[in-house]
Protein backbone atom coordinates (compact mmCIF):
# COMPACT_ATOMS: atom_id res chain seq x y z
CA MET A 1 -14.85 12.91 -4.57
CA THR A 2 -13.10 9.69 -3.60
CA ILE A 3 -11.30 7.59 -6.19
CA GLN A 4 -10.79 3.93 -5.38
CA ILE A 5 -7.33 2.58 -6.21
CA GLY A 6 -8.83 -0.61 -7.64
CA ALA A 7 -10.87 1.35 -10.17
CA ILE A 8 -7.78 3.16 -11.44
CA PHE A 9 -5.92 -0.08 -12.14
CA ASP A 10 -8.99 -2.22 -12.89
CA LEU A 11 -8.45 -4.41 -9.82
CA THR A 12 -11.02 -6.08 -7.60
CA TYR A 13 -11.44 -5.17 -3.94
CA SER A 14 -10.14 -8.61 -3.05
CA SER A 15 -6.89 -8.22 -5.00
CA VAL A 16 -6.22 -4.79 -3.47
CA SER A 17 -6.96 -6.15 0.01
CA HIS A 18 -4.61 -9.10 -0.54
CA SER A 19 -1.83 -6.77 -1.71
CA VAL A 20 -2.28 -4.50 1.30
CA LYS A 21 -2.06 -7.47 3.67
CA ALA A 22 1.12 -8.70 1.96
CA VAL A 23 2.78 -5.29 2.25
CA LYS A 24 1.75 -4.90 5.91
CA SER A 25 3.16 -8.35 6.65
CA ALA A 26 6.46 -7.49 4.94
CA MET A 27 6.62 -4.21 6.84
CA ALA A 28 6.16 -6.02 10.15
CA LYS A 29 8.98 -8.47 9.36
CA GLU A 30 11.53 -6.23 7.64
CA HIS A 31 12.41 -2.90 9.20
CA LYS A 32 14.35 -1.68 6.17
CA PHE A 33 11.33 -2.29 3.95
CA ARG A 34 9.06 -0.52 6.46
CA ASP A 35 11.37 2.51 6.55
CA TYR A 36 11.47 2.60 2.74
CA ILE A 37 7.67 2.48 2.47
CA GLU A 38 7.24 5.13 5.18
CA ASP A 39 9.73 7.43 3.42
CA MET A 40 7.97 6.94 0.11
CA ASN A 41 4.54 7.50 1.70
CA SER A 42 5.70 10.73 3.33
CA GLN A 43 6.32 12.17 -0.15
CA PHE A 44 2.58 11.99 -0.90
CA LYS A 45 1.22 13.45 2.33
CA VAL A 46 0.15 17.07 2.13
């Protein structure tokens, strides 16, 4: 079973896509931000 993040927070596909693009852009520009996000993401990987 796959749960879509937009459904959990009652967001449209477009708003989730826009947010993902903004975060990816910030990660490309700011290495500290990218490292922070990667560290946080590693906590959720099993």
